[in-house]
Structures are given as structure tokens and as C-alpha cells.
Amino acid sequence: MTEFTPARRLFVLLVWSPSLGVPADPVGVLGTERKGNSPQLDSHVSWVRSHEGSAWPWQERLRTAGPLTPELLEYWLDQDGTVHLIEEEQVSEAPSLSHLVEGHLDQVLVDLAVGEGR
């Protein structure tokens, strides 16, 4: 039996927050999209510019991962450590994967600004 995987998925990429002691600082947004029957996923990532120096663990992980697959994403979701990703349950409609990711990154930036009192 094959599990259902949505055509598009959206993830917030987190790194370790020294002040909280858990991976809670968002450094980017990753979007994936299934095209046809290929096990490999198309992806788009956008980084939080003000946290770009902190994003290196995720940049390295994505650079060395090889093709993104649903299995690799599930493996990352199940891992504990200094980097983590959380999947957004509601994925908005967007004309393209890049539009989806950039729009969600804007929301992450708003959330950061509100959380920091700006």
C-alpha cells in the first residue's frame, strides 16, 4: 500500500537557538513538488537574509543530500538534533513553487518581526 504524498509540501528550516536550547530559529523555507512519477522532488528554497550566516547547516545538508525524495524528507522530519524542519499542514495555492516558498518566507519574516517586537 502506497502512502499519499501531497503534490506540494512546505517546510520551515530551523537551527539551534542558544537562548531557548532547542532548534527554533527559522533560517529558511523549503518547498517541494512532485512532478509525474519521478521519485525525485523539485524543490525551491529561500533563506531569511538576516539569519543567513546561521543557515549554513541547512545549506550544507541540502547541498550534499543529492536528490530530494519523500523518504529523505521523512527521515529529516524524524531526526532530533541542532537542525530541524517543520512541515506546514496547510499549503496555500500559488502559481508556482517559487511563489509559494517566497510568500511563506514573507509570513515567517512577519512572525519574526512581531515576535521581536519590531
Protein backbone atom coordinates (compact mmCIF):
# COMPACT_ATOMS: atom_id res chain seq x y z
CA MET A 1 0.00 0.00 0.00
CA THR A 2 1.40 3.39 -1.02
CA GLU A 3 1.10 6.35 1.32
CA PHE A 4 -0.39 9.54 -0.10
CA THR A 5 2.17 12.30 -0.57
CA PRO A 6 0.80 15.73 -1.44
CA ALA A 7 1.94 17.24 -4.72
CA ARG A 8 3.39 20.26 -2.88
CA ARG A 9 4.88 20.37 0.60
CA LEU A 10 6.22 23.30 2.58
CA PHE A 11 8.79 23.25 5.40
CA VAL A 12 10.33 25.83 7.70
CA LEU A 13 14.04 25.16 8.27
CA LEU A 14 15.16 25.66 11.87
CA VAL A 15 18.56 25.87 13.57
CA TRP A 16 19.65 25.80 17.19
CA SER A 17 18.54 28.71 19.37
CA PRO A 18 21.08 29.17 22.17
CA SER A 19 18.61 31.22 24.21
CA LEU A 20 15.90 28.52 24.03
CA GLY A 21 18.12 25.42 23.96
CA VAL A 22 16.22 23.86 21.04
CA PRO A 23 16.24 24.21 17.25
CA ALA A 24 13.75 27.09 16.98
CA ASP A 25 15.36 29.84 14.88
CA PRO A 26 13.93 29.87 11.34
CA VAL A 27 16.56 30.32 8.65
CA GLY A 28 14.63 29.41 5.52
CA VAL A 29 11.65 27.89 3.80
CA LEU A 30 11.83 24.79 1.62
CA GLY A 31 9.12 23.86 -0.83
CA THR A 32 8.91 20.57 -2.70
CA GLU A 33 6.75 19.45 -5.57
CA ARG A 34 6.16 16.07 -7.13
CA LYS A 35 6.33 16.01 -10.91
CA GLY A 36 4.90 12.95 -12.60
CA ASN A 37 6.02 9.53 -11.38
CA SER A 38 9.60 10.51 -10.58
CA PRO A 39 10.75 9.67 -7.04
CA GLN A 40 12.85 12.86 -7.12
CA LEU A 41 11.13 16.06 -5.99
CA ASP A 42 11.52 19.51 -7.49
CA SER A 43 12.43 21.99 -4.79
CA HIS A 44 12.84 25.67 -4.09
CA VAL A 45 14.43 27.18 -1.00
CA SER A 46 14.58 30.75 0.21
CA TRP A 47 16.67 32.00 3.12
CA VAL A 48 16.00 34.51 5.89
CA ARG A 49 18.59 37.13 4.92
CA SER A 50 19.16 38.36 8.47
CA HIS A 51 19.89 34.77 9.59
CA GLU A 52 21.86 33.66 6.53
CA GLY A 53 25.08 33.13 8.50
CA SER A 54 23.20 30.75 10.80
CA ALA A 55 21.74 28.82 7.87
CA TRP A 56 24.96 27.01 6.95
CA PRO A 57 23.92 23.65 8.47
CA TRP A 58 20.83 23.57 6.25
CA GLN A 59 22.68 24.92 3.23
CA GLU A 60 25.27 22.17 3.61
CA ARG A 61 22.64 19.49 4.22
CA LEU A 62 20.71 20.45 1.09
CA ARG A 63 23.89 20.79 -0.98
CA THR A 64 25.16 17.32 -0.08
CA ALA A 65 21.82 15.47 0.10
CA GLY A 66 21.58 14.52 -3.55
CA PRO A 67 18.10 14.27 -5.00
CA LEU A 68 15.31 15.15 -2.57
CA THR A 69 12.82 12.33 -2.13
CA PRO A 70 9.80 11.91 0.15
CA GLU A 71 11.77 9.29 2.11
CA LEU A 72 14.65 11.71 2.75
CA LEU A 73 12.23 14.39 3.95
CA GLU A 74 10.55 11.90 6.30
CA TYR A 75 13.98 10.90 7.64
CA TRP A 76 14.80 14.56 8.35
CA LEU A 77 11.39 15.12 9.98
CA ASP A 78 12.06 12.21 12.36
CA GLN A 79 15.54 13.37 13.37
CA ASP A 80 16.44 15.19 16.57
CA GLY A 81 19.44 17.45 16.76
CA THR A 82 20.60 21.00 16.26
CA VAL A 83 18.75 21.43 12.96
CA HIS A 84 15.13 20.60 12.38
CA LEU A 85 12.36 21.19 9.92
CA ILE A 86 8.67 21.52 10.49
CA GLU A 87 6.07 20.84 7.86
CA GLU A 88 3.29 23.32 7.31
CA GLU A 89 -0.02 21.48 7.32
CA GLN A 90 -1.89 23.99 5.16
CA VAL A 91 -0.25 24.72 1.80
CA SER A 92 -1.76 27.70 0.02
CA GLU A 93 -2.46 27.81 -3.67
CA ALA A 94 0.25 29.56 -5.68
CA PRO A 95 1.02 29.82 -9.38
CA SER A 96 4.45 28.21 -8.87
CA LEU A 97 6.57 26.55 -6.23
CA SER A 98 8.85 29.59 -6.02
CA HIS A 99 5.84 31.88 -5.43
CA LEU A 100 4.64 29.54 -2.67
CA VAL A 101 8.03 29.50 -0.91
CA GLU A 102 8.63 33.24 -1.23
CA GLY A 103 5.12 34.00 0.06
CA HIS A 104 5.61 31.74 3.07
CA LEU A 105 9.03 33.24 3.76
CA ASP A 106 7.33 36.66 3.89
CA GLN A 107 5.00 35.28 6.57
CA VAL A 108 7.96 33.86 8.52
CA LEU A 109 9.60 37.31 8.39
CA VAL A 110 6.41 38.96 9.68
CA ASP A 111 6.25 36.41 12.51
CA LEU A 112 9.90 37.12 13.38
CA ALA A 113 9.30 40.86 13.40
CA VAL A 114 6.22 40.55 15.61
CA GLY A 115 8.00 38.14 17.94
CA GLU A 116 10.93 40.51 18.28
CA GLY A 117 8.64 43.48 18.88
CA ARG A 118 9.54 45.36 15.71
